[in-house]
Amino acid sequence: MKKNQHVVPSGDEWAVRGEGNSKKTRITQTQREAIEIARTIARKEQSELVIHGKDGRIRQKDSYGNDPFPPRG
């Protein structure tokens, strides 16, 4: 099953979490490290990478799957 990968703040650290999972996949010291791990998983699973800011709000999304709404042009 393809699960979108979320990079979320976890205290003073950052976590990678599959969408719908309560358990975190990985915890890292930096957001950059968490993004690289989540990007690798998202590419492998052909899903989306969703990056959250320190405030928990979504700040960026990258799609590595079959995008139902690809950009035109």
PDB file of N, CA and C in Angstrom:
ATOM      1  N   MET A   1       0.851  -1.190   0.000  1.00  0.00           N
ATOM      2  CA  MET A   1       0.000   0.000   0.000  1.00  0.00           C
ATOM      3  C   MET A   1       0.888   1.242   0.000  1.00  0.00           C
ATOM      4  N   LYS A   2       0.568   2.168  -0.859  1.00  0.00           N
ATOM      5  CA  LYS A   2       1.346   3.401  -0.970  1.00  0.00           C
ATOM      6  C   LYS A   2       0.909   4.383   0.103  1.00  0.00           C
ATOM      7  N   LYS A   3       1.869   4.776   0.940  1.00  0.00           N
ATOM      8  CA  LYS A   3       1.560   5.739   1.990  1.00  0.00           C
ATOM      9  C   LYS A   3       2.374   6.996   1.766  1.00  0.00           C
ATOM     10  N   ASN A   4       1.695   8.135   1.815  1.00  0.00           N
ATOM     11  CA  ASN A   4       2.417   9.397   1.747  1.00  0.00           C
ATOM     12  C   ASN A   4       3.325   9.498   2.966  1.00  0.00           C
ATOM     13  N   GLN A   5       4.502  10.073   2.766  1.00  0.00           N
ATOM     14  CA  GLN A   5       5.483  10.205   3.836  1.00  0.00           C
ATOM     15  C   GLN A   5       5.482  11.643   4.345  1.00  0.00           C
ATOM     16  N   HIS A   6       5.337  11.789   5.644  1.00  0.00           N
ATOM     17  CA  HIS A   6       5.292  13.114   6.260  1.00  0.00           C
ATOM     18  C   HIS A   6       6.562  13.348   7.075  1.00  0.00           C
ATOM     19  N   VAL A   7       7.128  14.546   6.939  1.00  0.00           N
ATOM     20  CA  VAL A   7       8.239  14.992   7.775  1.00  0.00           C
ATOM     21  C   VAL A   7       7.627  15.962   8.783  1.00  0.00           C
ATOM     22  N   VAL A   8       7.681  15.573  10.060  1.00  0.00           N
ATOM     23  CA  VAL A   8       6.991  16.347  11.094  1.00  0.00           C
ATOM     24  C   VAL A   8       7.927  16.662  12.259  1.00  0.00           C
ATOM     25  N   PRO A   9       7.684  17.792  12.946  1.00  0.00           N
ATOM     26  CA  PRO A   9       8.498  18.090  14.130  1.00  0.00           C
ATOM     27  C   PRO A   9       8.186  17.090  15.239  1.00  0.00           C
ATOM     28  N   SER A  10       9.208  16.727  15.999  1.00  0.00           N
ATOM     29  CA  SER A  10       9.052  15.790  17.115  1.00  0.00           C
ATOM     30  C   SER A  10       9.909  16.312  18.268  1.00  0.00           C
ATOM     31  N   GLY A  11       9.354  17.217  19.042  1.00  0.00           N
ATOM     32  CA  GLY A  11      10.135  17.870  20.096  1.00  0.00           C
ATOM     33  C   GLY A  11      11.210  18.729  19.450  1.00  0.00           C
ATOM     34  N   ASP A  12      12.458  18.507  19.833  1.00  0.00           N
ATOM     35  CA  ASP A  12      13.580  19.240  19.240  1.00  0.00           C
ATOM     36  C   ASP A  12      14.145  18.511  18.025  1.00  0.00           C
ATOM     37  N   GLU A  13      13.519  17.404  17.663  1.00  0.00           N
ATOM     38  CA  GLU A  13      13.997  16.596  16.538  1.00  0.00           C
ATOM     39  C   GLU A  13      12.947  16.579  15.430  1.00  0.00           C
ATOM     40  N   TRP A  14      13.215  15.794  14.395  1.00  0.00           N
ATOM     41  CA  TRP A  14      12.299  15.661  13.266  1.00  0.00           C
ATOM     42  C   TRP A  14      11.995  14.187  13.049  1.00  0.00           C
ATOM     43  N   ALA A  15      10.791  13.903  12.601  1.00  0.00           N
ATOM     44  CA  ALA A  15      10.389  12.515  12.404  1.00  0.00           C
ATOM     45  C   ALA A  15       9.838  12.307  10.994  1.00  0.00           C
ATOM     46  N   VAL A  16      10.007  11.085  10.517  1.00  0.00           N
ATOM     47  CA  VAL A  16       9.395  10.631   9.268  1.00  0.00           C
ATOM     48  C   VAL A  16       8.274   9.696   9.691  1.00  0.00           C
ATOM     49  N   ARG A  17       7.075   9.938   9.137  1.00  0.00           N
ATOM     50  CA  ARG A  17       5.920   9.132   9.525  1.00  0.00           C
ATOM     51  C   ARG A  17       5.078   8.835   8.297  1.00  0.00           C
ATOM     52  N   GLY A  18       4.727   7.577   8.109  1.00  0.00           N
ATOM     53  CA  GLY A  18       3.821   7.211   7.025  1.00  0.00           C
ATOM     54  C   GLY A  18       2.423   7.697   7.351  1.00  0.00           C
ATOM     55  N   GLU A  19       1.707   8.175   6.337  1.00  0.00           N
ATOM     56  CA  GLU A  19       0.358   8.703   6.554  1.00  0.00           C
ATOM     57  C   GLU A  19      -0.532   7.636   7.173  1.00  0.00           C
ATOM     58  N   GLY A  20      -1.238   8.019   8.236  1.00  0.00           N
ATOM     59  CA  GLY A  20      -2.141   7.098   8.913  1.00  0.00           C
ATOM     60  C   GLY A  20      -1.467   6.286  10.009  1.00  0.00           C
ATOM     61  N   ASN A  21      -0.143   6.335  10.073  1.00  0.00           N
ATOM     62  CA  ASN A  21       0.587   5.607  11.116  1.00  0.00           C
ATOM     63  C   ASN A  21       0.714   6.466  12.365  1.00  0.00           C
ATOM     64  N   SER A  22       0.531   5.859  13.522  1.00  0.00           N
ATOM     65  CA  SER A  22       0.757   6.598  14.763  1.00  0.00           C
ATOM     66  C   SER A  22       2.230   6.506  15.149  1.00  0.00           C
ATOM     67  N   LYS A  23       2.888   5.426  14.730  1.00  0.00           N
ATOM     68  CA  LYS A  23       4.296   5.228  15.044  1.00  0.00           C
ATOM     69  C   LYS A  23       5.176   5.913  13.997  1.00  0.00           C
ATOM     70  N   LYS A  24       6.241   6.532  14.459  1.00  0.00           N
ATOM     71  CA  LYS A  24       7.165   7.212  13.553  1.00  0.00           C
ATOM     72  C   LYS A  24       8.115   6.200  12.935  1.00  0.00           C
ATOM     73  N   THR A  25       8.413   6.379  11.649  1.00  0.00           N
ATOM     74  CA  THR A  25       9.322   5.488  10.938  1.00  0.00           C
ATOM     75  C   THR A  25      10.756   5.729  11.377  1.00  0.00           C
ATOM     76  N   ARG A  26      11.161   6.997  11.419  1.00  0.00           N
ATOM     77  CA  ARG A  26      12.529   7.375  11.816  1.00  0.00           C
ATOM     78  C   ARG A  26      12.486   8.709  12.535  1.00  0.00           C
ATOM     79  N   ILE A  27      13.423   8.913  13.453  1.00  0.00           N
ATOM     80  CA  ILE A  27      13.589  10.210  14.120  1.00  0.00           C
ATOM     81  C   ILE A  27      15.019  10.668  13.835  1.00  0.00           C
ATOM     82  N   THR A  28      15.162  11.935  13.432  1.00  0.00           N
ATOM     83  CA  THR A  28      16.472  12.477  13.084  1.00  0.00           C
ATOM     84  C   THR A  28      16.723  13.783  13.834  1.00  0.00           C
ATOM     85  N   GLN A  29      17.964  14.223  13.803  1.00  0.00           N
ATOM     86  CA  GLN A  29      18.336  15.469  14.464  1.00  0.00           C
ATOM     87  C   GLN A  29      17.926  16.694  13.649  1.00  0.00           C
ATOM     88  N   THR A  30      17.950  16.556  12.302  1.00  0.00           N
ATOM     89  CA  THR A  30      17.666  17.713  11.446  1.00  0.00           C
ATOM     90  C   THR A  30      16.502  17.432  10.502  1.00  0.00           C
ATOM     91  N   GLN A  31      15.846  18.511  10.089  1.00  0.00           N
ATOM     92  CA  GLN A  31      14.764  18.387   9.122  1.00  0.00           C
ATOM     93  C   GLN A  31      15.308  17.895   7.784  1.00  0.00           C
ATOM     94  N   ARG A  32      16.486  18.384   7.399  1.00  0.00           N
ATOM     95  CA  ARG A  32      17.091  17.993   6.123  1.00  0.00           C
ATOM     96  C   ARG A  32      17.290  16.480   6.046  1.00  0.00           C
ATOM     97  N   GLU A  33      17.784  15.890   7.126  1.00  0.00           N
ATOM     98  CA  GLU A  33      18.010  14.443   7.169  1.00  0.00           C
ATOM     99  C   GLU A  33      16.679  13.690   7.049  1.00  0.00           C
ATOM    100  N   ALA A  34      15.661  14.174   7.760  1.00  0.00           N
ATOM    101  CA  ALA A  34      14.337  13.541   7.703  1.00  0.00           C
ATOM    102  C   ALA A  34      13.754  13.633   6.292  1.00  0.00           C
ATOM    103  N   ILE A  35      13.959  14.769   5.626  1.00  0.00           N
ATOM    104  CA  ILE A  35      13.439  14.954   4.267  1.00  0.00           C
ATOM    105  C   ILE A  35      14.095  13.960   3.315  1.00  0.00           C
ATOM    106  N   GLU A  36      15.403  13.772   3.427  1.00  0.00           N
ATOM    107  CA  GLU A  36      16.102  12.831   2.542  1.00  0.00           C
ATOM    108  C   GLU A  36      15.590  11.404   2.726  1.00  0.00           C
ATOM    109  N   ILE A  37      15.384  10.998   3.970  1.00  0.00           N
ATOM    110  CA  ILE A  37      14.866   9.655   4.258  1.00  0.00           C
ATOM    111  C   ILE A  37      13.454   9.512   3.701  1.00  0.00           C
ATOM    112  N   ALA A  38      12.600  10.497   3.982  1.00  0.00           N
ATOM    113  CA  ALA A  38      11.207  10.448   3.520  1.00  0.00           C
ATOM    114  C   ALA A  38      11.129  10.483   1.996  1.00  0.00           C
ATOM    115  N   ARG A  39      12.008  11.266   1.352  1.00  0.00           N
ATOM    116  CA  ARG A  39      12.024  11.346  -0.117  1.00  0.00           C
ATOM    117  C   ARG A  39      12.372   9.986  -0.724  1.00  0.00           C
ATOM    118  N   THR A  40      13.338   9.304  -0.143  1.00  0.00           N
ATOM    119  CA  THR A  40      13.725   7.974  -0.628  1.00  0.00           C
ATOM    120  C   THR A  40      12.551   6.999  -0.532  1.00  0.00           C
ATOM    121  N   ILE A  41      11.862   7.019   0.607  1.00  0.00           N
ATOM    122  CA  ILE A  41      10.706   6.133   0.800  1.00  0.00           C
ATOM    123  C   ILE A  41       9.591   6.495  -0.179  1.00  0.00           C
ATOM    124  N   ALA A  42       9.302   7.791  -0.332  1.00  0.00           N
ATOM    125  CA  ALA A  42       8.225   8.241  -1.227  1.00  0.00           C
ATOM    126  C   ALA A  42       8.519   7.842  -2.678  1.00  0.00           C
ATOM    127  N   ARG A  43       9.769   7.969  -3.110  1.00  0.00           N
ATOM    128  CA  ARG A  43      10.134   7.557  -4.474  1.00  0.00           C
ATOM    129  C   ARG A  43       9.921   6.059  -4.652  1.00  0.00           C
ATOM    130  N   LYS A  44      10.370   5.285  -3.669  1.00  0.00           N
ATOM    131  CA  LYS A  44      10.250   3.828  -3.730  1.00  0.00           C
ATOM    132  C   LYS A  44       8.786   3.400  -3.782  1.00  0.00           C
ATOM    133  N   GLU A  45       7.951   4.053  -2.990  1.00  0.00           N
ATOM    134  CA  GLU A  45       6.528   3.703  -2.917  1.00  0.00           C
ATOM    135  C   GLU A  45       5.674   4.473  -3.920  1.00  0.00           C
ATOM    136  N   GLN A  46       6.294   5.348  -4.687  1.00  0.00           N
ATOM    137  CA  GLN A  46       5.589   6.204  -5.649  1.00  0.00           C
ATOM    138  C   GLN A  46       4.421   6.923  -4.979  1.00  0.00           C
ATOM    139  N   SER A  47       4.738   7.608  -3.899  1.00  0.00           N
ATOM    140  CA  SER A  47       3.724   8.349  -3.142  1.00  0.00           C
ATOM    141  C   SER A  47       4.156   9.804  -3.016  1.00  0.00           C
ATOM    142  N   GLU A  48       3.542  10.519  -2.095  1.00  0.00           N
ATOM    143  CA  GLU A  48       3.876  11.932  -1.916  1.00  0.00           C
ATOM    144  C   GLU A  48       4.743  12.144  -0.694  1.00  0.00           C
ATOM    145  N   LEU A  49       5.574  13.164  -0.779  1.00  0.00           N
ATOM    146  CA  LEU A  49       6.369  13.630   0.351  1.00  0.00           C
ATOM    147  C   LEU A  49       5.702  14.911   0.838  1.00  0.00           C
ATOM    148  N   VAL A  50       5.339  14.946   2.117  1.00  0.00           N
ATOM    149  CA  VAL A  50       4.678  16.113   2.698  1.00  0.00           C
ATOM    150  C   VAL A  50       5.579  16.641   3.812  1.00  0.00           C
ATOM    151  N   ILE A  51       6.069  17.875   3.649  1.00  0.00           N
ATOM    152  CA  ILE A  51       6.992  18.463   4.606  1.00  0.00           C
ATOM    153  C   ILE A  51       6.251  19.500   5.455  1.00  0.00           C
ATOM    154  N   HIS A  52       6.316  19.311   6.763  1.00  0.00           N
ATOM    155  CA  HIS A  52       5.676  20.226   7.698  1.00  0.00           C
ATOM    156  C   HIS A  52       6.737  21.147   8.302  1.00  0.00           C
ATOM    157  N   GLY A  53       6.346  22.364   8.645  1.00  0.00           N
ATOM    158  CA  GLY A  53       7.244  23.297   9.320  1.00  0.00           C
ATOM    159  C   GLY A  53       7.248  23.041  10.817  1.00  0.00           C
ATOM    160  N   LYS A  54       8.031  23.828  11.544  1.00  0.00           N
ATOM    161  CA  LYS A  54       8.110  23.703  13.006  1.00  0.00           C
ATOM    162  C   LYS A  54       6.743  23.859  13.665  1.00  0.00           C
ATOM    163  N   ASP A  55       5.864  24.655  13.031  1.00  0.00           N
ATOM    164  CA  ASP A  55       4.528  24.882  13.589  1.00  0.00           C
ATOM    165  C   ASP A  55       3.560  23.739  13.266  1.00  0.00           C
ATOM    166  N   GLY A  56       4.037  22.731  12.518  1.00  0.00           N
ATOM    167  CA  GLY A  56       3.198  21.588  12.183  1.00  0.00           C
ATOM    168  C   GLY A  56       2.388  21.755  10.905  1.00  0.00           C
ATOM    169  N   ARG A  57       2.363  22.976  10.358  1.00  0.00           N
ATOM    170  CA  ARG A  57       1.591  23.223   9.138  1.00  0.00           C
ATOM    171  C   ARG A  57       2.381  22.773   7.916  1.00  0.00           C
ATOM    172  N   ILE A  58       1.664  22.291   6.903  1.00  0.00           N
ATOM    173  CA  ILE A  58       2.305  21.836   5.667  1.00  0.00           C
ATOM    174  C   ILE A  58       2.970  23.022   4.977  1.00  0.00           C
ATOM    175  N   ARG A  59       4.241  22.862   4.613  1.00  0.00           N
ATOM    176  CA  ARG A  59       4.946  23.939   3.914  1.00  0.00           C
ATOM    177  C   ARG A  59       5.349  23.552   2.503  1.00  0.00           C
ATOM    178  N   GLN A  60       5.366  22.245   2.202  1.00  0.00           N
ATOM    179  CA  GLN A  60       5.774  21.817   0.860  1.00  0.00           C
ATOM    180  C   GLN A  60       5.294  20.395   0.607  1.00  0.00           C
ATOM    181  N   LYS A  61       4.976  20.111  -0.667  1.00  0.00           N
ATOM    182  CA  LYS A  61       4.600  18.759  -1.081  1.00  0.00           C
ATOM    183  C   LYS A  61       5.347  18.424  -2.359  1.00  0.00           C
ATOM    184  N   ASP A  62       5.815  17.188  -2.452  1.00  0.00           N
ATOM    185  CA  ASP A  62       6.424  16.687  -3.679  1.00  0.00           C
ATOM    186  C   ASP A  62       5.784  15.350  -3.994  1.00  0.00           C
ATOM    187  N   SER A  63       5.394  15.151  -5.258  1.00  0.00           N
ATOM    188  CA  SER A  63       4.755  13.907  -5.659  1.00  0.00           C
ATOM    189  C   SER A  63       5.716  13.052  -6.467  1.00  0.00           C
ATOM    190  N   TYR A  64       5.813  11.788  -6.084  1.00  0.00           N
ATOM    191  CA  TYR A  64       6.666  10.835  -6.797  1.00  0.00           C
ATOM    192  C   TYR A  64       5.846   9.685  -7.369  1.00  0.00           C
ATOM    193  N   GLY A  65       4.529   9.866  -7.417  1.00  0.00           N
ATOM    194  CA  GLY A  65       3.654   8.812  -7.926  1.00  0.00           C
ATOM    195  C   GLY A  65       2.962   9.265  -9.183  1.00  0.00           C
ATOM    196  N   ASN A  66       1.857   8.625  -9.467  1.00  0.00           N
ATOM    197  CA  ASN A  66       1.042   8.992 -10.618  1.00  0.00           C
ATOM    198  C   ASN A  66       0.120  10.131 -10.191  1.00  0.00           C
ATOM    199  N   ASP A  67       0.528  11.343 -10.496  1.00  0.00           N
ATOM    200  CA  ASP A  67      -0.217  12.526 -10.098  1.00  0.00           C
ATOM    201  C   ASP A  67      -1.508  12.618 -10.921  1.00  0.00           C
ATOM    202  N   PRO A  68      -2.679  12.613 -10.255  1.00  0.00           N
ATOM    203  CA  PRO A  68      -3.941  12.701 -11.001  1.00  0.00           C
ATOM    204  C   PRO A  68      -4.135  14.064 -11.640  1.00  0.00           C
ATOM    205  N   PHE A  69      -3.387  15.071 -11.212  1.00  0.00           N
ATOM    206  CA  PHE A  69      -3.492  16.417 -11.762  1.00  0.00           C
ATOM    207  C   PHE A  69      -2.103  16.935 -12.140  1.00  0.00           C
ATOM    208  N   PRO A  70      -1.479  16.343 -13.168  1.00  0.00           N
ATOM    209  CA  PRO A  70      -0.136  16.796 -13.530  1.00  0.00           C
ATOM    210  C   PRO A  70      -0.155  18.238 -14.039  1.00  0.00           C
ATOM    211  N   PRO A  71       0.950  18.965 -13.866  1.00  0.00           N
ATOM    212  CA  PRO A  71       0.983  20.340 -14.354  1.00  0.00           C
ATOM    213  C   PRO A  71       0.895  20.387 -15.881  1.00  0.00           C
ATOM    214  N   ARG A  72       0.269  21.427 -16.377  1.00  0.00           N
ATOM    215  CA  ARG A  72       0.140  21.570 -17.842  1.00  0.00           C
ATOM    216  C   ARG A  72       1.328  22.326 -18.382  1.00  0.00           C
ATOM    217  N   GLY A  73       1.675  22.014 -19.641  1.00  0.00           N
ATOM    218  CA  GLY A  73       2.717  22.784 -20.329  1.00  0.00           C
ATOM    219  C   GLY A  73       4.058  22.216 -20.297  1.00  0.00           C
TER     220      GLY A  73
END
